[in-house]
Structures are given as structure tokens and as C-alpha cells.
Amino acid sequence: MKRQLLSAAMASGAILGAATLAAPAQAQQNFLTIGTGGQTGVYYVVGQSVCRMVNRVEEANIKCNAPSTGGSVANINGIKSGELDMGVAQSDVAYRAYNGEGNFEKPFKDLRSVFSMHGEPLTLLARADANIDELDDLKGKRVNIGNPGSGQRATMEVLMDAKGWDNSVYSLASELTAAEQASALADNNIDAMVYVVGHPNGSIQEATTTVDANLVPLDGEAVDSLVEKYPYYSTVTIPGGLYKGNPDDVKTFGVMATVVTDADTDADTVYQTVKSVFENFDRFKKLHPAFANLKPEEMISKGLTAPLHEGAARYYKEQGWIE
């Protein structure tokens, strides 16, 4: 009986000890929240895809989620306030945040880059019956310039400044989100919509399959001056044939989508996030057509307008990608 009691006591102690040892490991699980964009946009897929890679790696002990948000500006503000750990943002918006320009009154010098993603042209889509063939044709039209906090709104405002325009040039300057504008175009509530997004895109596919609509070129003196002035802009061609009724290539300009964070974000968490993506890179690239041409050497250098986070830099140095 004494042996049984002793054995029972030892077993109880072992269970208690195991529970005590397990408790700290459970407590050490890190939670990672990545800000994205509208649910029909590629930003949402970027965040969901990164989380999918991170959550597959059990030893990383990170629980990742990527909610829909207002877009680039909202994501950077969320990182700054501590509501988000990471976010997807246009390279130009990240540049302005880091340097305290445009939508950002003060420089956010703690902003850090993780990696860049796909190219994102400013895309102008107009109803065919609106007779909009070039940028200047937007005058007097009903145009969705994007919701405050979105990347398309920020880029459209830069383009408008280059043209010397304000909202009064339109008969209506609506502020619909990315998820709302396709149906507004189809319902004839707006004549045109703008979207900074990778292609092909679900929202534009939705719009072009429900109403006759054309991609409108964005070129000319104003665009040329922006590309020349700002290093994060470049001319971009949207391939023809991606959308119904749009067989021809369309010239425009654009930026890069980037994943950003704060300097204070845990270095090991950032390291494991980057590692999860690049060590499952073939799988990652299959999660959206916009990811198909991603190359690691470009993702760690192109479009990064804030310094690399130390956790990301650590992984890239281990791979011999940077010094």
C-alpha cells in the first residue's frame, strides 16, 4: 500500500511538474496581427497567405491573423498605435510615413521593412458609356477616389496635385472602399473608379463582367513628372486580356506592395515570419496569380522605403542574400 501511495504521489508530482514546465511554453506563444485591405483586394490575400505560412510552422509558436482593414495608411497608423504588428502598405505610402510627408504630419522613424511583394499600378476603370479615354476626361465625372486611409486615395491625391486638381473638378468625388466600388460602377452610381492593386484583381474582374468598362491609360506630362521625381514610382503596363472587354495593354504607373512593421516588433517573430514565407516559397507563390513572378532578390531590395527590420535582416544574412 505504501508503495502504491508513493507511486501515486510520484505520479502526481510528475504530472504537476510537467504542467508547470508546460505553462511557460504555452505563455510564450506570440500573436501576430497583419493589417491588409479590402477583402476583394490582393492586400487581403497577402496577409492571409503570410499567416497561412506562419501558422503551418508549429515550432515557431506564432498565431497569425490578418483582418481586413482600410489599407496602406490605416495599416501604418495601426502599427504606430500598436493595434497591428505588421501591415501591407504601398511603397510610396511607407516612404511618406517614414519621412513625415503627405498624410503623415510627423516622421515615423521606427517604421521598418520586412519584404516587398508584387507591383501595383494605379488602375483607372471607367464605364464604357462615360466616354472616359484619358485622365483629363475625368473632369465633370463621378469618380470614386478611394476611402481615406487607402493607398489608392493617397496615390490619387498625389496625381491630382500634379495636375493642379482638387475634388471640385469632379461632379462627384466619392470615398467608397475597394470592396464597394465595383458594384457602384455596375449600378451606375459612379462613372469611374481607381485602385492601386496587383493584377489580375477580383474587384476589377467583378466590375468588367457586370458592366461594359474599360481600363484607362494614365500617362502624359503629370505622370512622367511623378516617375522622374519619386524613386518609388515607375511606369507599368497592365497586360491585355486579363479582363473582359479589355484586350489591349494599358500603360500607367505604380508602386510596390510592401510588408512593414515597427522597430520594436519582436525580432524572433519577424525572423520566423520571413523564414516561414521563404522556406515555403513555391507554395506561397501559388496562393495568388500576382505572386507568380515574385523573386527573393527583388523582395528584399525593391521598393523598401524604410530600413529593414533586424529580424528580417538576420534571416537574409543567414541566406547570404545581404551582407
C-alpha atoms as a PDB file:
ATOM      1  CA  MET A   1       0.000   0.000   0.000  1.00  0.00           C
ATOM      2  CA  LYS A   2       2.804   2.399   0.901  1.00  0.00           C
ATOM      3  CA  ARG A   3       4.478   1.620  -2.412  1.00  0.00           C
ATOM      4  CA  GLN A   4       1.213   2.341  -4.216  1.00  0.00           C
ATOM      5  CA  LEU A   5       0.762   5.607  -2.327  1.00  0.00           C
ATOM      6  CA  LEU A   6       4.333   6.566  -3.043  1.00  0.00           C
ATOM      7  CA  SER A   7       3.909   5.717  -6.695  1.00  0.00           C
ATOM      8  CA  ALA A   8       0.723   7.731  -6.824  1.00  0.00           C
ATOM      9  CA  ALA A   9       2.419  10.679  -5.144  1.00  0.00           C
ATOM     10  CA  MET A  10       5.338  10.478  -7.541  1.00  0.00           C
ATOM     11  CA  ALA A  11       2.964  10.299 -10.488  1.00  0.00           C
ATOM     12  CA  SER A  12       1.029  13.304  -9.202  1.00  0.00           C
ATOM     13  CA  GLY A  13       4.254  15.200  -8.754  1.00  0.00           C
ATOM     14  CA  ALA A  14       5.388  14.295 -12.237  1.00  0.00           C
ATOM     15  CA  ILE A  15       2.094  15.495 -13.716  1.00  0.00           C
ATOM     16  CA  LEU A  16       2.260  18.717 -11.713  1.00  0.00           C
ATOM     17  CA  GLY A  17       5.869  19.218 -12.752  1.00  0.00           C
ATOM     18  CA  ALA A  18       5.048  18.618 -16.383  1.00  0.00           C
ATOM     19  CA  ALA A  19       2.180  21.077 -16.170  1.00  0.00           C
ATOM     20  CA  THR A  20       4.456  23.620 -14.541  1.00  0.00           C
ATOM     21  CA  LEU A  21       7.069  23.149 -17.253  1.00  0.00           C
ATOM     22  CA  ALA A  22       4.442  23.327 -19.991  1.00  0.00           C
ATOM     23  CA  ALA A  23       2.890  26.536 -18.681  1.00  0.00           C
ATOM     24  CA  PRO A  24       5.738  28.872 -19.644  1.00  0.00           C
ATOM     25  CA  ALA A  25       5.902  27.379 -23.177  1.00  0.00           C
ATOM     26  CA  GLN A  26       2.171  27.991 -23.577  1.00  0.00           C
ATOM     27  CA  ALA A  27       2.532  31.537 -22.289  1.00  0.00           C
ATOM     28  CA  GLN A  28       5.326  32.271 -24.715  1.00  0.00           C
ATOM     29  CA  GLN A  29       3.151  31.859 -27.802  1.00  0.00           C
ATOM     30  CA  ASN A  30       3.331  35.045 -29.836  1.00  0.00           C
ATOM     31  CA  PHE A  31       0.349  36.569 -31.587  1.00  0.00           C
ATOM     32  CA  LEU A  32       0.899  38.342 -34.884  1.00  0.00           C
ATOM     33  CA  THR A  33      -1.717  40.621 -36.453  1.00  0.00           C
ATOM     34  CA  ILE A  34      -1.151  41.796 -40.032  1.00  0.00           C
ATOM     35  CA  GLY A  35      -3.235  44.655 -41.429  1.00  0.00           C
ATOM     36  CA  THR A  36      -4.377  44.107 -45.030  1.00  0.00           C
ATOM     37  CA  GLY A  37      -7.069  45.894 -47.071  1.00  0.00           C
ATOM     38  CA  GLY A  38     -10.478  45.208 -48.585  1.00  0.00           C
ATOM     39  CA  GLN A  39     -11.449  41.551 -48.862  1.00  0.00           C
ATOM     40  CA  THR A  40     -11.581  41.680 -52.676  1.00  0.00           C
ATOM     41  CA  GLY A  41      -8.060  43.103 -52.964  1.00  0.00           C
ATOM     42  CA  VAL A  42      -4.655  41.469 -53.166  1.00  0.00           C
ATOM     43  CA  TYR A  43      -3.535  43.019 -49.841  1.00  0.00           C
ATOM     44  CA  TYR A  44      -6.027  40.806 -48.049  1.00  0.00           C
ATOM     45  CA  VAL A  45      -4.610  37.767 -49.838  1.00  0.00           C
ATOM     46  CA  VAL A  46      -1.047  38.855 -48.951  1.00  0.00           C
ATOM     47  CA  GLY A  47      -1.840  38.962 -45.240  1.00  0.00           C
ATOM     48  CA  GLN A  48      -3.829  35.731 -45.309  1.00  0.00           C
ATOM     49  CA  SER A  49      -1.063  33.994 -47.270  1.00  0.00           C
ATOM     50  CA  VAL A  50       1.714  35.106 -44.912  1.00  0.00           C
ATOM     51  CA  CYS A  51      -0.369  33.925 -41.956  1.00  0.00           C
ATOM     52  CA  ARG A  52      -1.022  30.619 -43.679  1.00  0.00           C
ATOM     53  CA  MET A  53       2.731  30.030 -43.972  1.00  0.00           C
ATOM     54  CA  VAL A  54       3.425  31.149 -40.391  1.00  0.00           C
ATOM     55  CA  ASN A  55       0.632  29.049 -38.873  1.00  0.00           C
ATOM     56  CA  ARG A  56       1.917  25.924 -40.648  1.00  0.00           C
ATOM     57  CA  VAL A  57       5.173  26.029 -38.653  1.00  0.00           C
ATOM     58  CA  GLU A  58       4.282  24.718 -35.190  1.00  0.00           C
ATOM     59  CA  GLU A  59       7.757  25.214 -33.743  1.00  0.00           C
ATOM     60  CA  ALA A  60       7.549  28.943 -34.477  1.00  0.00           C
ATOM     61  CA  ASN A  61       4.789  29.105 -31.835  1.00  0.00           C
ATOM     62  CA  ILE A  62       3.146  32.080 -33.534  1.00  0.00           C
ATOM     63  CA  LYS A  63      -0.590  32.537 -34.007  1.00  0.00           C
ATOM     64  CA  CYS A  64      -1.070  34.803 -37.011  1.00  0.00           C
ATOM     65  CA  ASN A  65      -4.231  36.548 -38.196  1.00  0.00           C
ATOM     66  CA  ALA A  66      -4.783  39.092 -40.969  1.00  0.00           C
ATOM     67  CA  PRO A  67      -8.013  41.100 -40.696  1.00  0.00           C
ATOM     68  CA  SER A  68      -9.429  43.318 -43.422  1.00  0.00           C
ATOM     69  CA  THR A  69      -8.546  46.991 -42.877  1.00  0.00           C
ATOM     70  CA  GLY A  70      -8.767  50.373 -44.581  1.00  0.00           C
ATOM     71  CA  GLY A  71      -5.486  49.859 -46.462  1.00  0.00           C
ATOM     72  CA  SER A  72      -1.973  51.298 -46.524  1.00  0.00           C
ATOM     73  CA  VAL A  73      -2.334  54.461 -44.454  1.00  0.00           C
ATOM     74  CA  ALA A  74      -4.622  52.770 -41.945  1.00  0.00           C
ATOM     75  CA  ASN A  75      -2.160  49.890 -41.586  1.00  0.00           C
ATOM     76  CA  ILE A  76       0.804  52.143 -40.881  1.00  0.00           C
ATOM     77  CA  ASN A  77      -1.226  54.141 -38.363  1.00  0.00           C
ATOM     78  CA  GLY A  78      -2.298  50.850 -36.790  1.00  0.00           C
ATOM     79  CA  ILE A  79       1.331  49.750 -36.470  1.00  0.00           C
ATOM     80  CA  LYS A  80       2.251  53.095 -34.952  1.00  0.00           C
ATOM     81  CA  SER A  81      -0.571  52.892 -32.393  1.00  0.00           C
ATOM     82  CA  GLY A  82       0.214  49.277 -31.513  1.00  0.00           C
ATOM     83  CA  GLU A  83      -3.080  47.880 -32.816  1.00  0.00           C
ATOM     84  CA  LEU A  84      -1.227  45.979 -35.566  1.00  0.00           C
ATOM     85  CA  ASP A  85       2.124  44.185 -35.535  1.00  0.00           C
ATOM     86  CA  MET A  86       2.634  44.294 -39.300  1.00  0.00           C
ATOM     87  CA  GLY A  87       0.793  45.648 -42.288  1.00  0.00           C
ATOM     88  CA  VAL A  88       0.774  45.740 -46.069  1.00  0.00           C
ATOM     89  CA  ALA A  89       1.457  49.185 -47.500  1.00  0.00           C
ATOM     90  CA  GLN A  90       2.332  50.791 -50.795  1.00  0.00           C
ATOM     91  CA  SER A  91       5.992  51.740 -51.076  1.00  0.00           C
ATOM     92  CA  ASP A  92       5.098  55.404 -51.596  1.00  0.00           C
ATOM     93  CA  VAL A  93       2.879  55.499 -48.514  1.00  0.00           C
ATOM     94  CA  ALA A  94       5.632  53.871 -46.452  1.00  0.00           C
ATOM     95  CA  TYR A  95       8.082  56.471 -47.767  1.00  0.00           C
ATOM     96  CA  ARG A  96       5.820  59.339 -46.748  1.00  0.00           C
ATOM     97  CA  ALA A  97       5.208  57.800 -43.335  1.00  0.00           C
ATOM     98  CA  TYR A  98       8.914  57.315 -42.651  1.00  0.00           C
ATOM     99  CA  ASN A  99       9.699  60.877 -43.743  1.00  0.00           C
ATOM    100  CA  GLY A 100       6.642  62.631 -42.314  1.00  0.00           C
ATOM    101  CA  GLU A 101       5.083  63.754 -45.594  1.00  0.00           C
ATOM    102  CA  GLY A 102       1.615  63.788 -47.114  1.00  0.00           C
ATOM    103  CA  ASN A 103      -0.874  62.049 -44.799  1.00  0.00           C
ATOM    104  CA  PHE A 104       1.717  61.874 -42.010  1.00  0.00           C
ATOM    105  CA  GLU A 105       2.453  65.020 -40.020  1.00  0.00           C
ATOM    106  CA  LYS A 106       5.453  63.592 -38.181  1.00  0.00           C
ATOM    107  CA  PRO A 107       8.182  61.192 -39.400  1.00  0.00           C
ATOM    108  CA  PHE A 108       7.649  57.588 -38.289  1.00  0.00           C
ATOM    109  CA  LYS A 109      11.323  56.714 -37.971  1.00  0.00           C
ATOM    110  CA  ASP A 110      10.545  53.407 -36.231  1.00  0.00           C
ATOM    111  CA  LEU A 111       8.852  52.081 -39.383  1.00  0.00           C
ATOM    112  CA  ARG A 112      10.698  49.027 -40.701  1.00  0.00           C
ATOM    113  CA  SER A 113      10.516  46.983 -43.899  1.00  0.00           C
ATOM    114  CA  VAL A 114      10.067  43.201 -43.887  1.00  0.00           C
ATOM    115  CA  PHE A 115       9.890  42.438 -47.623  1.00  0.00           C
ATOM    116  CA  SER A 116       8.192  43.711 -50.770  1.00  0.00           C
ATOM    117  CA  MET A 117       5.579  41.900 -52.796  1.00  0.00           C
ATOM    118  CA  HIS A 118       4.048  42.480 -56.242  1.00  0.00           C
ATOM    119  CA  GLY A 119       3.970  45.634 -58.317  1.00  0.00           C
ATOM    120  CA  GLU A 120       0.837  47.748 -58.021  1.00  0.00           C
ATOM    121  CA  PRO A 121      -0.195  50.090 -60.808  1.00  0.00           C
ATOM    122  CA  LEU A 122      -2.697  52.872 -60.235  1.00  0.00           C
ATOM    123  CA  THR A 123      -5.615  51.432 -62.187  1.00  0.00           C
ATOM    124  CA  LEU A 124      -8.398  53.586 -63.602  1.00  0.00           C
ATOM    125  CA  LEU A 125     -11.536  51.730 -64.691  1.00  0.00           C
ATOM    126  CA  ALA A 126     -14.425  53.603 -66.304  1.00  0.00           C
ATOM    127  CA  ARG A 127     -17.853  52.686 -67.580  1.00  0.00           C
ATOM    128  CA  ALA A 128     -17.823  52.489 -71.370  1.00  0.00           C
ATOM    129  CA  ASP A 129     -20.838  54.834 -71.585  1.00  0.00           C
ATOM    130  CA  ALA A 130     -18.967  57.524 -69.585  1.00  0.00           C
ATOM    131  CA  ASN A 131     -16.670  58.267 -72.547  1.00  0.00           C
ATOM    132  CA  ILE A 132     -13.516  58.427 -70.467  1.00  0.00           C
ATOM    133  CA  ASP A 133     -10.480  57.692 -72.630  1.00  0.00           C
ATOM    134  CA  GLU A 134      -7.747  59.594 -70.769  1.00  0.00           C
ATOM    135  CA  LEU A 135      -7.060  61.208 -67.406  1.00  0.00           C
ATOM    136  CA  ASP A 136      -8.391  64.643 -68.366  1.00  0.00           C
ATOM    137  CA  ASP A 137     -11.766  63.094 -69.254  1.00  0.00           C
ATOM    138  CA  LEU A 138     -12.417  62.615 -65.516  1.00  0.00           C
ATOM    139  CA  LYS A 139     -13.331  66.306 -65.245  1.00  0.00           C
ATOM    140  CA  GLY A 140     -17.019  66.686 -64.531  1.00  0.00           C
ATOM    141  CA  LYS A 141     -17.476  62.940 -63.925  1.00  0.00           C
ATOM    142  CA  ARG A 142     -18.484  60.900 -60.870  1.00  0.00           C
ATOM    143  CA  VAL A 143     -15.244  59.376 -59.668  1.00  0.00           C
ATOM    144  CA  ASN A 144     -14.515  57.179 -56.690  1.00  0.00           C
ATOM    145  CA  ILE A 145     -11.142  58.483 -55.461  1.00  0.00           C
ATOM    146  CA  GLY A 146     -10.897  55.917 -52.651  1.00  0.00           C
ATOM    147  CA  ASN A 147     -11.645  55.875 -48.942  1.00  0.00           C
ATOM    148  CA  PRO A 148      -9.463  57.951 -46.596  1.00  0.00           C
ATOM    149  CA  GLY A 149      -6.606  55.771 -45.358  1.00  0.00           C
ATOM    150  CA  SER A 150      -6.382  53.694 -48.523  1.00  0.00           C
ATOM    151  CA  GLY A 151      -3.387  53.542 -50.823  1.00  0.00           C
ATOM    152  CA  GLN A 152      -5.442  54.440 -53.895  1.00  0.00           C
ATOM    153  CA  ARG A 153      -6.689  57.588 -52.185  1.00  0.00           C
ATOM    154  CA  ALA A 154      -3.130  58.601 -51.271  1.00  0.00           C
ATOM    155  CA  THR A 155      -1.772  57.963 -54.784  1.00  0.00           C
ATOM    156  CA  MET A 156      -4.751  59.608 -56.461  1.00  0.00           C
ATOM    157  CA  GLU A 157      -4.210  62.728 -54.356  1.00  0.00           C
ATOM    158  CA  VAL A 158      -0.557  62.841 -55.465  1.00  0.00           C
ATOM    159  CA  LEU A 159      -1.659  62.587 -59.101  1.00  0.00           C
ATOM    160  CA  MET A 160      -4.316  65.237 -58.572  1.00  0.00           C
ATOM    161  CA  ASP A 161      -1.719  67.557 -57.041  1.00  0.00           C
ATOM    162  CA  ALA A 162       0.500  67.045 -60.078  1.00  0.00           C
ATOM    163  CA  LYS A 163      -2.453  68.028 -62.265  1.00  0.00           C
ATOM    164  CA  GLY A 164      -3.348  71.015 -60.077  1.00  0.00           C
ATOM    165  CA  TRP A 165      -6.732  69.468 -59.300  1.00  0.00           C
ATOM    166  CA  ASP A 166      -8.883  69.258 -56.205  1.00  0.00           C
ATOM    167  CA  ASN A 167     -12.182  67.422 -55.686  1.00  0.00           C
ATOM    168  CA  SER A 168     -14.130  70.244 -57.326  1.00  0.00           C
ATOM    169  CA  VAL A 169     -13.043  69.065 -60.790  1.00  0.00           C
ATOM    170  CA  TYR A 170     -15.440  66.123 -60.444  1.00  0.00           C
ATOM    171  CA  SER A 171     -19.214  66.274 -60.377  1.00  0.00           C
ATOM    172  CA  LEU A 172     -18.910  63.752 -57.532  1.00  0.00           C
ATOM    173  CA  ALA A 173     -15.810  62.616 -55.614  1.00  0.00           C
ATOM    174  CA  SER A 174     -16.982  59.542 -53.725  1.00  0.00           C
ATOM    175  CA  GLU A 175     -14.993  57.825 -50.980  1.00  0.00           C
ATOM    176  CA  LEU A 176     -16.116  54.214 -51.285  1.00  0.00           C
ATOM    177  CA  THR A 177     -13.895  51.377 -50.101  1.00  0.00           C
ATOM    178  CA  ALA A 178     -12.291  48.952 -52.502  1.00  0.00           C
ATOM    179  CA  ALA A 179     -14.966  46.369 -51.706  1.00  0.00           C
ATOM    180  CA  GLU A 180     -17.813  48.780 -52.549  1.00  0.00           C
ATOM    181  CA  GLN A 181     -16.670  50.454 -55.738  1.00  0.00           C
ATOM    182  CA  ALA A 182     -17.180  47.645 -58.268  1.00  0.00           C
ATOM    183  CA  SER A 183     -20.889  47.362 -57.507  1.00  0.00           C
ATOM    184  CA  ALA A 184     -21.194  51.174 -57.522  1.00  0.00           C
ATOM    185  CA  LEU A 185     -19.728  51.231 -61.034  1.00  0.00           C
ATOM    186  CA  ALA A 186     -22.072  48.460 -62.183  1.00  0.00           C
ATOM    187  CA  ASP A 187     -25.103  50.196 -60.615  1.00  0.00           C
ATOM    188  CA  ASN A 188     -24.220  53.459 -62.414  1.00  0.00           C
ATOM    189  CA  ASN A 189     -23.617  55.319 -59.156  1.00  0.00           C
ATOM    190  CA  ILE A 190     -20.136  56.328 -60.349  1.00  0.00           C
ATOM    191  CA  ASP A 191     -18.545  56.735 -63.770  1.00  0.00           C
ATOM    192  CA  ALA A 192     -15.025  55.643 -62.822  1.00  0.00           C
ATOM    193  CA  MET A 193     -13.040  54.072 -60.009  1.00  0.00           C
ATOM    194  CA  VAL A 194      -9.355  53.993 -59.118  1.00  0.00           C
ATOM    195  CA  TYR A 195      -7.498  51.135 -57.484  1.00  0.00           C
ATOM    196  CA  VAL A 196      -3.833  50.645 -56.637  1.00  0.00           C
ATOM    197  CA  VAL A 197      -3.632  46.887 -56.913  1.00  0.00           C
ATOM    198  CA  GLY A 198      -1.853  43.895 -58.374  1.00  0.00           C
ATOM    199  CA  HIS A 199      -3.363  42.165 -61.379  1.00  0.00           C
ATOM    200  CA  PRO A 200      -5.448  40.192 -62.050  1.00  0.00           C
ATOM    201  CA  ASN A 201      -7.805  41.547 -59.394  1.00  0.00           C
ATOM    202  CA  GLY A 202     -11.172  40.196 -58.289  1.00  0.00           C
ATOM    203  CA  SER A 203     -12.851  43.580 -57.858  1.00  0.00           C
ATOM    204  CA  ILE A 204     -11.971  44.666 -61.397  1.00  0.00           C
ATOM    205  CA  GLN A 205     -12.999  41.260 -62.750  1.00  0.00           C
ATOM    206  CA  GLU A 206     -16.339  41.707 -60.990  1.00  0.00           C
ATOM    207  CA  ALA A 207     -16.841  45.168 -62.472  1.00  0.00           C
ATOM    208  CA  THR A 208     -15.903  44.237 -66.044  1.00  0.00           C
ATOM    209  CA  THR A 209     -18.134  41.158 -66.073  1.00  0.00           C
ATOM    210  CA  THR A 210     -21.218  43.050 -64.828  1.00  0.00           C
ATOM    211  CA  VAL A 211     -20.924  46.203 -66.948  1.00  0.00           C
ATOM    212  CA  ASP A 212     -19.024  47.288 -70.064  1.00  0.00           C
ATOM    213  CA  ALA A 213     -15.982  49.007 -68.601  1.00  0.00           C
ATOM    214  CA  ASN A 214     -12.551  49.996 -69.892  1.00  0.00           C
ATOM    215  CA  LEU A 215      -9.129  50.344 -68.322  1.00  0.00           C
ATOM    216  CA  VAL A 216      -7.958  53.908 -68.993  1.00  0.00           C
ATOM    217  CA  PRO A 217      -4.285  54.756 -69.664  1.00  0.00           C
ATOM    218  CA  LEU A 218      -2.571  57.015 -67.139  1.00  0.00           C
ATOM    219  CA  ASP A 219       0.289  58.714 -68.931  1.00  0.00           C
ATOM    220  CA  GLY A 220       1.351  62.159 -70.059  1.00  0.00           C
ATOM    221  CA  GLU A 221       3.297  65.021 -68.532  1.00  0.00           C
ATOM    222  CA  ALA A 222       1.913  64.778 -64.997  1.00  0.00           C
ATOM    223  CA  VAL A 223       2.658  61.069 -64.734  1.00  0.00           C
ATOM    224  CA  ASP A 224       6.108  61.490 -66.297  1.00  0.00           C
ATOM    225  CA  SER A 225       6.971  64.168 -63.725  1.00  0.00           C
ATOM    226  CA  LEU A 226       5.953  61.905 -60.836  1.00  0.00           C
ATOM    227  CA  VAL A 227       8.006  58.955 -62.129  1.00  0.00           C
ATOM    228  CA  GLU A 228      11.009  61.227 -62.589  1.00  0.00           C
ATOM    229  CA  LYS A 229      10.658  62.902 -59.185  1.00  0.00           C
ATOM    230  CA  TYR A 230       9.942  59.919 -56.929  1.00  0.00           C
ATOM    231  CA  PRO A 231      12.130  56.781 -56.869  1.00  0.00           C
ATOM    232  CA  TYR A 232       9.287  54.555 -55.675  1.00  0.00           C
ATOM    233  CA  TYR A 233       7.200  55.189 -58.810  1.00  0.00           C
ATOM    234  CA  SER A 234       7.763  53.508 -62.162  1.00  0.00           C
ATOM    235  CA  THR A 235       5.840  53.116 -65.401  1.00  0.00           C
ATOM    236  CA  VAL A 236       3.819  49.913 -65.533  1.00  0.00           C
ATOM    237  CA  THR A 237       1.903  48.071 -68.244  1.00  0.00           C
ATOM    238  CA  ILE A 238      -1.252  46.162 -67.359  1.00  0.00           C
ATOM    239  CA  PRO A 239      -1.341  43.216 -69.795  1.00  0.00           C
ATOM    240  CA  GLY A 240      -4.257  42.975 -72.168  1.00  0.00           C
ATOM    241  CA  GLY A 241      -6.668  40.072 -71.921  1.00  0.00           C
ATOM    242  CA  LEU A 242      -6.899  39.907 -68.148  1.00  0.00           C
ATOM    243  CA  TYR A 243     -10.404  41.375 -68.076  1.00  0.00           C
ATOM    244  CA  LYS A 244     -13.498  41.071 -70.229  1.00  0.00           C
ATOM    245  CA  GLY A 245     -13.618  43.738 -72.936  1.00  0.00           C
ATOM    246  CA  ASN A 246     -10.025  44.836 -72.377  1.00  0.00           C
ATOM    247  CA  PRO A 247      -7.859  43.036 -74.957  1.00  0.00           C
ATOM    248  CA  ASP A 248      -5.087  45.657 -75.194  1.00  0.00           C
ATOM    249  CA  ASP A 249      -2.145  46.529 -72.936  1.00  0.00           C
ATOM    250  CA  VAL A 250      -2.705  49.678 -70.874  1.00  0.00           C
ATOM    251  CA  LYS A 251       0.076  51.986 -69.724  1.00  0.00           C
ATOM    252  CA  THR A 252       0.031  53.501 -66.253  1.00  0.00           C
ATOM    253  CA  PHE A 253       2.399  53.969 -63.309  1.00  0.00           C
ATOM    254  CA  GLY A 254       2.664  52.355 -59.935  1.00  0.00           C
ATOM    255  CA  VAL A 255       4.397  51.312 -56.752  1.00  0.00           C
ATOM    256  CA  MET A 256       5.322  48.139 -54.897  1.00  0.00           C
ATOM    257  CA  ALA A 257       3.274  46.440 -52.200  1.00  0.00           C
ATOM    258  CA  THR A 258       5.449  46.058 -49.096  1.00  0.00           C
ATOM    259  CA  VAL A 259       5.095  44.351 -45.736  1.00  0.00           C
ATOM    260  CA  VAL A 260       6.137  46.691 -42.927  1.00  0.00           C
ATOM    261  CA  THR A 261       6.370  46.651 -39.155  1.00  0.00           C
ATOM    262  CA  ASP A 262       7.706  48.598 -36.194  1.00  0.00           C
ATOM    263  CA  ALA A 263      11.302  48.580 -34.954  1.00  0.00           C
ATOM    264  CA  ASP A 264      10.039  47.324 -31.569  1.00  0.00           C
ATOM    265  CA  THR A 265       8.279  44.269 -33.015  1.00  0.00           C
ATOM    266  CA  ASP A 266       9.903  41.136 -31.572  1.00  0.00           C
ATOM    267  CA  ALA A 267      12.901  40.231 -33.730  1.00  0.00           C
ATOM    268  CA  ASP A 268      12.341  36.471 -33.411  1.00  0.00           C
ATOM    269  CA  THR A 269       8.717  36.853 -34.519  1.00  0.00           C
ATOM    270  CA  VAL A 270       9.759  38.810 -37.616  1.00  0.00           C
ATOM    271  CA  TYR A 271      12.563  36.314 -38.293  1.00  0.00           C
ATOM    272  CA  GLN A 272      10.162  33.358 -38.090  1.00  0.00           C
ATOM    273  CA  THR A 273       7.617  35.143 -40.298  1.00  0.00           C
ATOM    274  CA  VAL A 274      10.194  35.772 -43.014  1.00  0.00           C
ATOM    275  CA  LYS A 275      11.585  32.258 -42.692  1.00  0.00           C
ATOM    276  CA  SER A 276       8.093  30.740 -42.971  1.00  0.00           C
ATOM    277  CA  VAL A 277       7.480  32.540 -46.260  1.00  0.00           C
ATOM    278  CA  PHE A 278      10.819  31.921 -47.959  1.00  0.00           C
ATOM    279  CA  GLU A 279      11.187  28.306 -46.852  1.00  0.00           C
ATOM    280  CA  ASN A 280       7.750  27.579 -48.316  1.00  0.00           C
ATOM    281  CA  PHE A 281       8.232  29.913 -51.264  1.00  0.00           C
ATOM    282  CA  ASP A 282       6.928  27.682 -54.074  1.00  0.00           C
ATOM    283  CA  ARG A 283       3.766  27.022 -52.078  1.00  0.00           C
ATOM    284  CA  PHE A 284       3.436  30.726 -51.250  1.00  0.00           C
ATOM    285  CA  LYS A 285       3.691  31.830 -54.892  1.00  0.00           C
ATOM    286  CA  LYS A 286       0.757  29.602 -55.853  1.00  0.00           C
ATOM    287  CA  LEU A 287      -1.645  31.354 -53.489  1.00  0.00           C
ATOM    288  CA  HIS A 288      -2.425  34.221 -55.911  1.00  0.00           C
ATOM    289  CA  PRO A 289      -1.606  34.961 -59.574  1.00  0.00           C
ATOM    290  CA  ALA A 290       0.010  38.275 -58.525  1.00  0.00           C
ATOM    291  CA  PHE A 291       2.643  36.275 -56.604  1.00  0.00           C
ATOM    292  CA  ALA A 292       3.687  34.097 -59.552  1.00  0.00           C
ATOM    293  CA  ASN A 293       6.681  36.201 -60.604  1.00  0.00           C
ATOM    294  CA  LEU A 294       7.998  37.054 -57.149  1.00  0.00           C
ATOM    295  CA  LYS A 295      11.769  36.721 -56.728  1.00  0.00           C
ATOM    296  CA  PRO A 296      13.513  36.750 -53.332  1.00  0.00           C
ATOM    297  CA  GLU A 297      16.313  39.034 -54.554  1.00  0.00           C
ATOM    298  CA  GLU A 298      13.736  41.665 -55.552  1.00  0.00           C
ATOM    299  CA  MET A 299      11.552  41.199 -52.477  1.00  0.00           C
ATOM    300  CA  ILE A 300      14.410  42.080 -50.121  1.00  0.00           C
ATOM    301  CA  SER A 301      15.518  45.178 -52.009  1.00  0.00           C
ATOM    302  CA  LYS A 302      12.968  46.633 -54.437  1.00  0.00           C
ATOM    303  CA  GLY A 303      10.511  49.188 -53.103  1.00  0.00           C
ATOM    304  CA  LEU A 304      11.705  49.073 -49.495  1.00  0.00           C
ATOM    305  CA  THR A 305      11.460  52.724 -48.478  1.00  0.00           C
ATOM    306  CA  ALA A 306      12.101  52.135 -44.762  1.00  0.00           C
ATOM    307  CA  PRO A 307      15.107  50.297 -43.245  1.00  0.00           C
ATOM    308  CA  LEU A 308      14.957  46.520 -42.879  1.00  0.00           C
ATOM    309  CA  HIS A 309      13.767  45.169 -39.542  1.00  0.00           C
ATOM    310  CA  GLU A 310      16.565  43.425 -37.636  1.00  0.00           C
ATOM    311  CA  GLY A 311      14.676  40.121 -37.593  1.00  0.00           C
ATOM    312  CA  ALA A 312      14.251  40.157 -41.376  1.00  0.00           C
ATOM    313  CA  ALA A 313      17.867  41.223 -41.907  1.00  0.00           C
ATOM    314  CA  ARG A 314      19.057  38.338 -39.743  1.00  0.00           C
ATOM    315  CA  TYR A 315      17.382  35.773 -41.993  1.00  0.00           C
ATOM    316  CA  TYR A 316      18.582  37.436 -45.204  1.00  0.00           C
ATOM    317  CA  LYS A 317      22.160  37.489 -43.893  1.00  0.00           C
ATOM    318  CA  GLU A 318      21.930  33.796 -42.981  1.00  0.00           C
ATOM    319  CA  GLN A 319      20.910  33.073 -46.574  1.00  0.00           C
ATOM    320  CA  GLY A 320      23.783  35.162 -47.929  1.00  0.00           C
ATOM    321  CA  TRP A 321      21.341  37.498 -49.655  1.00  0.00           C
ATOM    322  CA  ILE A 322      22.662  40.625 -47.937  1.00  0.00           C
ATOM    323  CA  GLU A 323      25.879  41.435 -46.080  1.00  0.00           C
END
